[in-house]
Amino acid sequence: MSIQAFLFRQVIRRSIKSPAVMGTIKNPMIPTEMGIAGVRGGINEALARITRVPPFVQVQDVDVGGVPAEWIRVPESDKDAVLIYLHGGAYVMGSAETHRNLAWRLAVKARCRVLLVDYRLAPEHPYPAPVEDAIAAYDWVLEQGFDPSRIGIAGDSAGGGLTFATLAKIRDTDRPMPAVAFGISPWTDLACTGKSLRTNAKADPMFDPGAIPRAVDFYLQGADPYDPYASPLYADFEGFPPTMIHVGSSEILLDDARRLAHNMKEAGVMVELEVWRNMPHVWHVFAPFLPESTQAISRGARFLLRHMAEGRERRSASITYLESHREAPISRAPRRHAKMSGDSK
């Protein structure tokens, strides 16, 4: 771990994991609107402050099937390759503005255009609104004439979970699958069954696991947490495209990523899981301040580029760890809305 990452962990522990932020989310006595507005303002402002778009980056506002979005183009962009990016923020915050810094860096390294989708947020627009918006964005890209073999889909945190929920919806509605997926610290289990919620509770410098159930309530508002379009950990992964997953070893969402990779591998999906030692949640957004952020973006972008390129070859199922970790356990919660991977063969 770089000295920059070490120091940054201390900063976010004292800011984001502070009682002022996590306590606001956890406290049921604080009205939902007031609590969300306060947290949104602080987090969005902090991320927007580090967003610096160089002059060579073209940013264009677009309407994609009724959903606001941004086209991000750079000189390196292949006009035929598109990455749909779904920002994180626990489904209650985040925007194209907060993730523009990450989007243009992916566009450069993956040599593609990036469509940064501003999907609707909870609690004003609960589940399934984000899934509907992501599907609308995908349909729009197809309507523009882009070949699915040149389309990728990626996202971080809630947007990472939304990435895999969207893939499940694409497959279940007989739409053509995109070529590749990239999930960064994906939140895939809204039933909150992962052991790392407990084992990494102190080690995670960003999140208090006690805030997760209320965040789930903001988004689901009574919907089933085992629904695969809400919690894609419980989806049937048959037919999913090659996938890369990044997660930090000290994250409370570590098991969301590890179990997702395990279940995808069991379904025959070509999946690469990279567990980065002591990296905070979605460290990629902090480029160029952390060397590990730039390195992770480059690794993810190479994977995207390889699979969005013309004439690419899809490999068989495999799983790769950046560091030595135990094999992820199979999720013990029931897949009540999907076939078990063994049933699909």
Protein backbone atom coordinates (compact mmCIF):
# COMPACT_ATOMS: atom_id res chain seq x y z
CA MET A 1 0.00 0.00 0.00
CA SER A 2 1.36 3.41 -0.98
CA ILE A 3 1.91 6.14 1.60
CA GLN A 4 -0.77 8.13 -0.23
CA ALA A 5 -3.29 5.32 0.25
CA PHE A 6 -2.31 4.93 3.91
CA LEU A 7 -2.87 8.61 4.61
CA PHE A 8 -6.05 8.71 2.56
CA ARG A 9 -7.55 5.86 4.59
CA GLN A 10 -7.11 7.98 7.70
CA VAL A 11 -8.79 10.96 6.07
CA ILE A 12 -11.88 9.09 4.93
CA ARG A 13 -12.16 7.28 8.26
CA ARG A 14 -12.39 10.65 9.99
CA SER A 15 -14.75 12.14 7.43
CA ILE A 16 -17.06 9.67 5.69
CA LYS A 17 -17.11 7.09 8.53
CA SER A 18 -17.71 9.85 11.05
CA PRO A 19 -20.86 10.06 13.20
CA ALA A 20 -21.84 13.16 11.21
CA VAL A 21 -22.22 11.07 8.04
CA MET A 22 -22.81 7.44 9.03
CA GLY A 23 -24.74 8.51 12.14
CA THR A 24 -27.08 10.60 10.01
CA ILE A 25 -27.86 7.64 7.79
CA LYS A 26 -28.33 5.22 10.70
CA ASN A 27 -30.47 7.47 12.89
CA PRO A 28 -34.17 6.67 12.27
CA MET A 29 -35.16 9.82 14.20
CA ILE A 30 -33.75 12.01 11.43
CA PRO A 31 -36.36 12.44 8.65
CA THR A 32 -35.39 10.64 5.46
CA GLU A 33 -35.43 13.75 3.28
CA MET A 34 -33.28 15.73 5.70
CA GLY A 35 -30.75 12.94 6.22
CA ILE A 36 -30.37 12.11 2.53
CA ALA A 37 -30.13 15.77 1.52
CA GLY A 38 -27.31 16.38 3.98
CA VAL A 39 -25.30 13.32 3.02
CA ARG A 40 -25.86 13.88 -0.70
CA GLY A 41 -24.64 17.43 -0.48
CA GLY A 42 -21.47 16.56 1.38
CA ILE A 43 -20.46 13.49 -0.64
CA ASN A 44 -21.39 14.97 -4.00
CA GLU A 45 -19.48 18.17 -3.25
CA ALA A 46 -16.39 16.25 -2.13
CA LEU A 47 -16.31 14.06 -5.25
CA ALA A 48 -17.12 16.92 -7.58
CA ARG A 49 -14.22 18.89 -6.07
CA ILE A 50 -11.70 16.32 -7.30
CA THR A 51 -13.27 16.09 -10.76
CA ARG A 52 -11.00 17.84 -13.22
CA VAL A 53 -11.80 17.31 -16.88
CA PRO A 54 -8.91 18.14 -19.23
CA PRO A 55 -9.59 20.27 -22.33
CA PHE A 56 -9.22 17.27 -24.65
CA VAL A 57 -12.25 15.54 -23.08
CA GLN A 58 -15.57 16.19 -24.82
CA VAL A 59 -18.64 16.08 -22.56
CA GLN A 60 -22.06 16.16 -24.20
CA ASP A 61 -25.43 16.05 -22.41
CA VAL A 62 -27.79 13.54 -24.01
CA ASP A 63 -31.27 12.16 -23.37
CA VAL A 64 -31.23 8.37 -23.55
CA GLY A 65 -34.80 7.16 -23.68
CA GLY A 66 -35.94 9.81 -21.20
CA VAL A 67 -32.93 9.37 -18.91
CA PRO A 68 -30.29 12.13 -18.64
CA ALA A 69 -26.74 11.06 -19.43
CA GLU A 70 -23.39 12.32 -20.63
CA TRP A 71 -21.35 11.23 -23.61
CA ILE A 72 -17.66 11.25 -22.72
CA ARG A 73 -15.27 11.26 -25.68
CA VAL A 74 -11.49 11.54 -25.86
CA PRO A 75 -9.12 11.53 -28.86
CA GLU A 76 -8.37 7.85 -28.21
CA SER A 77 -12.05 6.83 -28.39
CA ASP A 78 -12.95 4.22 -30.97
CA LYS A 79 -16.21 5.56 -32.42
CA ASP A 80 -17.66 2.03 -32.53
CA ALA A 81 -16.90 1.04 -28.92
CA VAL A 82 -19.14 2.16 -26.04
CA LEU A 83 -18.91 1.67 -22.30
CA ILE A 84 -22.14 2.29 -20.37
CA TYR A 85 -21.16 3.45 -16.88
CA LEU A 86 -23.49 3.34 -13.85
CA HIS A 87 -22.26 5.47 -10.95
CA GLY A 88 -22.33 4.42 -7.31
CA GLY A 89 -23.83 6.08 -4.26
CA ALA A 90 -26.02 3.50 -2.47
CA TYR A 91 -28.82 4.30 -4.95
CA VAL A 92 -29.44 7.57 -3.06
CA MET A 93 -26.58 9.82 -4.21
CA GLY A 94 -23.94 10.22 -6.89
CA SER A 95 -24.29 11.62 -10.39
CA ALA A 96 -22.57 11.98 -13.72
CA GLU A 97 -20.70 14.93 -12.26
CA THR A 98 -19.26 12.95 -9.34
CA HIS A 99 -17.99 10.19 -11.64
CA ARG A 100 -16.86 12.19 -14.67
CA ASN A 101 -13.25 11.99 -13.47
CA LEU A 102 -13.34 8.18 -13.52
CA ALA A 103 -15.32 8.04 -16.77
CA TRP A 104 -12.87 10.01 -18.89
CA ARG A 105 -9.93 8.01 -17.55
CA LEU A 106 -11.66 4.78 -18.54
CA ALA A 107 -12.39 6.28 -21.96
CA VAL A 108 -8.69 7.01 -22.47
CA LYS A 109 -7.41 3.63 -21.29
CA ALA A 110 -10.16 1.51 -22.88
CA ARG A 111 -10.15 3.61 -26.07
CA CYS A 112 -13.92 3.94 -26.15
CA ARG A 113 -16.76 6.37 -25.64
CA VAL A 114 -18.36 6.34 -22.20
CA LEU A 115 -22.07 6.88 -21.65
CA LEU A 116 -22.39 8.09 -18.06
CA VAL A 117 -25.99 7.48 -16.98
CA ASP A 118 -27.76 9.74 -14.45
CA TYR A 119 -30.35 7.20 -13.35
CA ARG A 120 -33.12 8.14 -10.90
CA LEU A 121 -32.27 7.96 -7.20
CA ALA A 122 -34.06 6.71 -4.09
CA PRO A 123 -35.85 7.44 -1.88
CA GLU A 124 -37.74 9.64 -4.36
CA HIS A 125 -37.48 6.92 -7.01
CA PRO A 126 -37.08 3.52 -5.34
CA TYR A 127 -36.47 0.12 -6.90
CA PRO A 128 -36.93 -0.74 -9.74
CA ALA A 129 -36.44 2.80 -11.16
CA PRO A 130 -32.61 2.53 -11.54
CA VAL A 131 -32.93 -0.82 -13.34
CA GLU A 132 -35.54 0.64 -15.69
CA ASP A 133 -33.27 3.61 -16.46
CA ALA A 134 -30.24 1.40 -17.09
CA ILE A 135 -32.26 -0.73 -19.51
CA ALA A 136 -33.52 2.42 -21.23
CA ALA A 137 -29.90 3.56 -21.66
CA TYR A 138 -28.89 0.18 -23.10
CA ASP A 139 -31.82 0.18 -25.52
CA TRP A 140 -30.86 3.69 -26.63
CA VAL A 141 -27.29 2.63 -27.35
CA LEU A 142 -28.59 -0.28 -29.44
CA GLU A 143 -30.94 2.07 -31.28
CA GLN A 144 -27.96 4.22 -32.26
CA GLY A 145 -26.66 1.25 -34.21
CA PHE A 146 -23.86 0.08 -31.94
CA ASP A 147 -23.01 -3.62 -32.18
CA PRO A 148 -23.50 -5.43 -28.84
CA SER A 149 -20.08 -7.04 -29.36
CA ARG A 150 -18.55 -3.56 -29.03
CA ILE A 151 -20.56 -2.53 -25.94
CA GLY A 152 -19.43 -2.86 -22.33
CA ILE A 153 -21.24 -2.10 -19.09
CA ALA A 154 -19.58 -1.10 -15.83
CA GLY A 155 -20.33 0.47 -12.48
CA ASP A 156 -19.16 0.92 -8.93
CA SER A 157 -20.78 0.17 -5.55
CA ALA A 158 -24.56 0.40 -6.07
CA GLY A 159 -23.80 1.03 -9.74
CA GLY A 160 -21.77 -2.17 -9.70
CA GLY A 161 -24.75 -4.08 -8.39
CA LEU A 162 -26.91 -2.29 -10.94
CA THR A 163 -24.51 -3.43 -13.66
CA PHE A 164 -25.18 -7.10 -12.91
CA ALA A 165 -28.90 -6.53 -12.29
CA THR A 166 -29.08 -4.89 -15.71
CA LEU A 167 -27.29 -7.83 -17.31
CA ALA A 168 -29.81 -10.20 -15.73
CA LYS A 169 -32.66 -8.08 -17.10
CA ILE A 170 -31.06 -7.91 -20.54
CA ARG A 171 -30.72 -11.69 -20.65
CA ASP A 172 -34.20 -12.39 -19.24
CA THR A 173 -35.87 -10.10 -21.79
CA ASP A 174 -34.01 -11.66 -24.75
CA ARG A 175 -32.02 -8.55 -25.56
CA PRO A 176 -28.54 -9.13 -27.02
CA MET A 177 -25.85 -9.29 -24.34
CA PRO A 178 -23.02 -6.74 -24.30
CA ALA A 179 -19.46 -7.94 -24.76
CA VAL A 180 -18.04 -7.36 -21.28
CA ALA A 181 -18.75 -6.19 -17.72
CA PHE A 182 -16.63 -4.50 -15.05
CA GLY A 183 -17.79 -4.21 -11.43
CA ILE A 184 -15.91 -2.04 -8.91
CA SER A 185 -16.65 -2.81 -5.24
CA PRO A 186 -20.12 -3.99 -6.32
CA TRP A 187 -23.01 -4.00 -3.82
CA THR A 188 -24.77 -7.19 -4.87
CA ASP A 189 -26.50 -8.51 -1.73
CA LEU A 190 -29.17 -6.22 -0.29
CA ALA A 191 -30.21 -9.06 2.02
CA CYS A 192 -26.93 -8.29 3.84
CA THR A 193 -25.83 -11.91 4.39
CA GLY A 194 -22.10 -11.48 3.74
CA LYS A 195 -19.74 -12.33 6.60
CA SER A 196 -17.45 -9.42 5.73
CA LEU A 197 -20.14 -7.02 6.97
CA ARG A 198 -19.05 -8.23 10.41
CA THR A 199 -15.46 -9.32 9.95
CA ASN A 200 -14.42 -6.09 8.17
CA ALA A 201 -16.60 -3.75 10.25
CA LYS A 202 -13.61 -2.13 11.94
CA ALA A 203 -11.12 -2.50 9.10
CA ASP A 204 -13.27 -0.75 6.48
CA PRO A 205 -12.21 2.92 6.62
CA MET A 206 -15.29 4.21 4.83
CA PHE A 207 -18.49 2.43 5.88
CA ASP A 208 -20.26 1.52 9.08
CA PRO A 209 -22.23 -1.71 8.47
CA GLY A 210 -24.93 -0.35 10.77
CA ALA A 211 -25.85 2.14 8.04
CA ILE A 212 -26.43 -0.52 5.38
CA PRO A 213 -29.96 -1.67 6.45
CA ARG A 214 -31.33 1.87 6.29
CA ALA A 215 -29.75 2.39 2.89
CA VAL A 216 -31.49 -0.82 1.79
CA ASP A 217 -34.79 0.54 3.11
CA PHE A 218 -34.34 3.80 1.20
CA TYR A 219 -33.97 1.85 -2.04
CA LEU A 220 -36.20 -1.20 -1.70
CA GLN A 221 -39.04 0.31 0.36
CA GLY A 222 -40.50 -3.11 1.06
CA ALA A 223 -39.38 -4.95 -2.09
CA ASP A 224 -37.82 -8.40 -1.74
CA PRO A 225 -34.05 -8.15 -1.06
CA TYR A 226 -33.58 -11.54 -2.73
CA ASP A 227 -35.05 -10.33 -6.02
CA PRO A 228 -32.14 -10.79 -8.49
CA TYR A 229 -32.81 -7.41 -10.10
CA ALA A 230 -32.31 -5.81 -6.68
CA SER A 231 -29.62 -8.19 -5.39
CA PRO A 232 -27.89 -9.71 -8.42
CA LEU A 233 -25.91 -12.08 -6.18
CA TYR A 234 -29.04 -14.29 -6.39
CA ALA A 235 -29.36 -14.14 -10.18
CA ASP A 236 -28.91 -16.93 -12.69
CA PHE A 237 -25.65 -16.05 -14.46
CA GLU A 238 -26.05 -18.27 -17.50
CA GLY A 239 -25.03 -16.36 -20.62
CA PHE A 240 -23.33 -13.46 -18.84
CA PRO A 241 -20.38 -11.83 -20.66
CA PRO A 242 -16.73 -11.93 -19.51
CA THR A 243 -16.48 -10.01 -16.25
CA MET A 244 -13.82 -8.33 -14.15
CA ILE A 245 -14.48 -7.48 -10.49
CA HIS A 246 -12.35 -5.27 -8.24
CA VAL A 247 -12.74 -5.02 -4.46
CA GLY A 248 -10.60 -3.95 -1.50
CA SER A 249 -9.58 -6.62 1.02
CA SER A 250 -10.82 -4.55 3.99
CA GLU A 251 -14.21 -3.60 2.55
CA ILE A 252 -17.40 -4.66 4.28
CA LEU A 253 -18.62 -5.53 0.76
CA LEU A 254 -15.73 -7.94 0.17
CA ASP A 255 -18.04 -10.96 0.32
CA ASP A 256 -20.51 -9.34 -2.07
CA ALA A 257 -17.74 -9.42 -4.67
CA ARG A 258 -16.21 -12.78 -3.74
CA ARG A 259 -19.51 -14.66 -3.71
CA LEU A 260 -20.57 -12.99 -6.95
CA ALA A 261 -17.37 -14.15 -8.64
CA HIS A 262 -17.79 -17.66 -7.25
CA ASN A 263 -21.39 -17.94 -8.45
CA MET A 264 -20.51 -16.60 -11.88
CA LYS A 265 -17.65 -19.07 -12.20
CA GLU A 266 -19.99 -21.91 -11.20
CA ALA A 267 -22.32 -20.82 -14.04
CA GLY A 268 -19.48 -21.01 -16.56
CA VAL A 269 -18.86 -17.28 -16.88
CA MET A 270 -15.32 -16.10 -17.63
CA VAL A 271 -14.67 -13.98 -14.51
CA GLU A 272 -11.59 -12.35 -13.03
CA LEU A 273 -11.73 -11.20 -9.41
CA GLU A 274 -8.99 -8.90 -8.12
CA VAL A 275 -8.81 -8.29 -4.36
CA TRP A 276 -6.62 -5.25 -3.67
CA ARG A 277 -4.99 -5.21 -0.25
CA ASN A 278 -6.32 -2.50 2.09
CA MET A 279 -7.85 -0.39 -0.68
CA PRO A 280 -10.95 1.60 0.34
CA HIS A 281 -14.32 1.30 -1.32
CA VAL A 282 -14.18 2.32 -5.02
CA TRP A 283 -10.64 3.70 -4.73
CA HIS A 284 -10.63 4.20 -8.50
CA VAL A 285 -12.48 7.53 -8.14
CA PHE A 286 -9.51 9.04 -6.32
CA ALA A 287 -7.18 9.05 -9.33
CA PRO A 288 -4.67 10.58 -9.75
CA PHE A 289 -4.09 11.09 -6.03
CA LEU A 290 -3.58 7.38 -5.27
CA PRO A 291 -1.15 5.35 -7.40
CA GLU A 292 -3.37 2.30 -6.84
CA SER A 293 -6.31 4.17 -8.36
CA THR A 294 -4.46 4.73 -11.62
CA GLN A 295 -3.19 1.15 -11.64
CA ALA A 296 -6.67 -0.29 -11.05
CA ILE A 297 -8.22 1.85 -13.78
CA SER A 298 -5.55 0.65 -16.20
CA ARG A 299 -6.13 -3.01 -15.35
CA GLY A 300 -9.88 -2.71 -15.67
CA ALA A 301 -9.60 -0.75 -18.90
CA ARG A 302 -7.30 -3.35 -20.46
CA PHE A 303 -9.89 -6.01 -19.71
CA LEU A 304 -12.64 -3.88 -21.27
CA LEU A 305 -10.53 -3.07 -24.32
CA ARG A 306 -9.66 -6.70 -24.89
CA HIS A 307 -13.29 -7.79 -24.93
CA MET A 308 -14.76 -4.80 -26.79
CA ALA A 309 -12.19 -5.08 -29.57
CA GLU A 310 -13.17 -6.45 -32.94
CA GLY A 311 -12.39 -10.13 -33.39
CA ARG A 312 -11.90 -10.71 -29.68
CA GLU A 313 -11.79 -14.27 -28.37
CA ARG A 314 -13.93 -15.26 -25.37
CA ARG A 315 -12.10 -17.53 -22.99
CA SER A 316 -13.55 -20.24 -20.80
CA ALA A 317 -14.44 -19.70 -17.15
CA SER A 318 -11.58 -18.81 -14.83
CA ILE A 319 -10.96 -16.79 -11.70
CA THR A 320 -7.88 -14.79 -10.82
CA TYR A 321 -6.90 -13.20 -7.52
CA LEU A 322 -4.53 -10.27 -7.39
CA GLU A 323 -3.52 -11.42 -3.92
CA SER A 324 -3.80 -14.71 -2.07
CA HIS A 325 -7.24 -15.20 -0.55
CA ARG A 326 -9.39 -18.18 0.25
CA GLU A 327 -11.87 -19.38 -2.34
CA ALA A 328 -15.10 -17.45 -1.93
CA PRO A 329 -17.90 -19.46 -0.31
CA ILE A 330 -21.09 -20.26 -2.15
CA SER A 331 -23.90 -17.95 -1.06
CA ARG A 332 -26.05 -19.80 1.45
CA ALA A 333 -29.12 -17.61 0.96
CA PRO A 334 -31.76 -19.09 -1.37
CA ARG A 335 -31.99 -18.02 -4.96
CA ARG A 336 -35.72 -17.71 -4.77
CA HIS A 337 -36.11 -15.90 -8.08
CA ALA A 338 -33.57 -17.70 -10.22
CA LYS A 339 -32.50 -21.16 -11.26
CA MET A 340 -29.46 -22.53 -9.50
CA SER A 341 -26.47 -22.52 -11.78
CA GLY A 342 -26.49 -26.32 -11.89
CA ASP A 343 -30.05 -26.34 -13.18
CA SER A 344 -29.15 -24.25 -16.18
CA LYS A 345 -26.76 -26.75 -17.69
